[in-house]
Amino acid sequence: MIVPVRLDVEKVEGTWKFSQNKPGEARLSAAQGVEEAGEIALAELMRLLLDGHADAPD
């Protein structure tokens, strides 16, 4: 039997986690994929974090 259910989302929380404990090459590849998807600013931030020039926002 299928029972319909409705859920109302009241709050969504996210976290910053770019590295995933992966090597630099994998992280650069992820940034490239993000950039190719059109998220230029996010890709730039990912590269900055990889280079150690910025800290992740709280």
Protein backbone atom coordinates (compact mmCIF):
# COMPACT_ATOMS: atom_id res chain seq x y z
CA MET A 1 0.00 0.00 0.00
CA ILE A 2 1.27 3.48 -0.86
CA VAL A 3 0.51 6.18 1.69
CA PRO A 4 0.90 9.80 0.54
CA VAL A 5 2.91 12.08 2.80
CA ARG A 6 3.47 15.83 2.69
CA LEU A 7 6.49 17.41 4.37
CA ASP A 8 6.92 21.15 4.81
CA VAL A 9 10.56 22.20 4.94
CA GLU A 10 11.03 24.99 7.46
CA LYS A 11 14.80 25.26 7.56
CA VAL A 12 17.79 24.16 5.50
CA GLU A 13 21.36 24.35 6.83
CA GLY A 14 24.54 23.81 4.87
CA THR A 15 28.20 23.42 5.66
CA TRP A 16 31.43 24.33 3.90
CA LYS A 17 33.47 21.30 3.06
CA PHE A 18 35.47 21.58 -0.12
CA SER A 19 38.45 19.32 0.46
CA GLN A 20 36.81 16.04 1.45
CA ASN A 21 40.36 15.04 2.48
CA LYS A 22 41.24 14.48 -1.16
CA PRO A 23 44.58 15.20 -2.86
CA GLY A 24 45.07 18.55 -4.57
CA GLU A 25 44.61 17.10 -8.05
CA ALA A 26 41.13 15.79 -7.16
CA ARG A 27 40.20 19.11 -5.58
CA LEU A 28 41.31 21.03 -8.68
CA SER A 29 39.25 18.66 -10.82
CA ALA A 30 36.20 19.32 -8.63
CA ALA A 31 36.71 23.08 -9.00
CA GLN A 32 36.93 22.65 -12.78
CA GLY A 33 33.65 20.72 -12.80
CA VAL A 34 31.95 23.39 -10.72
CA GLU A 35 33.24 26.07 -13.10
CA GLU A 36 32.01 24.13 -16.14
CA ALA A 37 28.58 24.00 -14.50
CA GLY A 38 28.57 27.80 -14.52
CA GLU A 39 29.44 28.43 -10.87
CA ILE A 40 32.48 30.62 -11.54
CA ALA A 41 32.63 32.37 -8.15
CA LEU A 42 32.35 29.08 -6.25
CA ALA A 43 35.11 27.52 -8.38
CA GLU A 44 37.37 30.51 -7.64
CA LEU A 45 36.71 30.14 -3.92
CA MET A 46 37.51 26.43 -4.08
CA ARG A 47 40.83 27.20 -5.76
CA LEU A 48 41.65 29.88 -3.19
CA LEU A 49 41.02 27.41 -0.39
CA LEU A 50 43.22 24.85 -2.13
CA ASP A 51 46.05 27.38 -2.42
CA GLY A 52 45.69 28.33 1.25
CA HIS A 53 44.90 31.97 0.48
CA ALA A 54 41.50 32.02 2.17
CA ASP A 55 39.58 30.42 5.01
CA ALA A 56 36.17 28.86 4.60
CA PRO A 57 33.34 31.06 5.83
CA ASP A 58 31.67 30.10 9.11
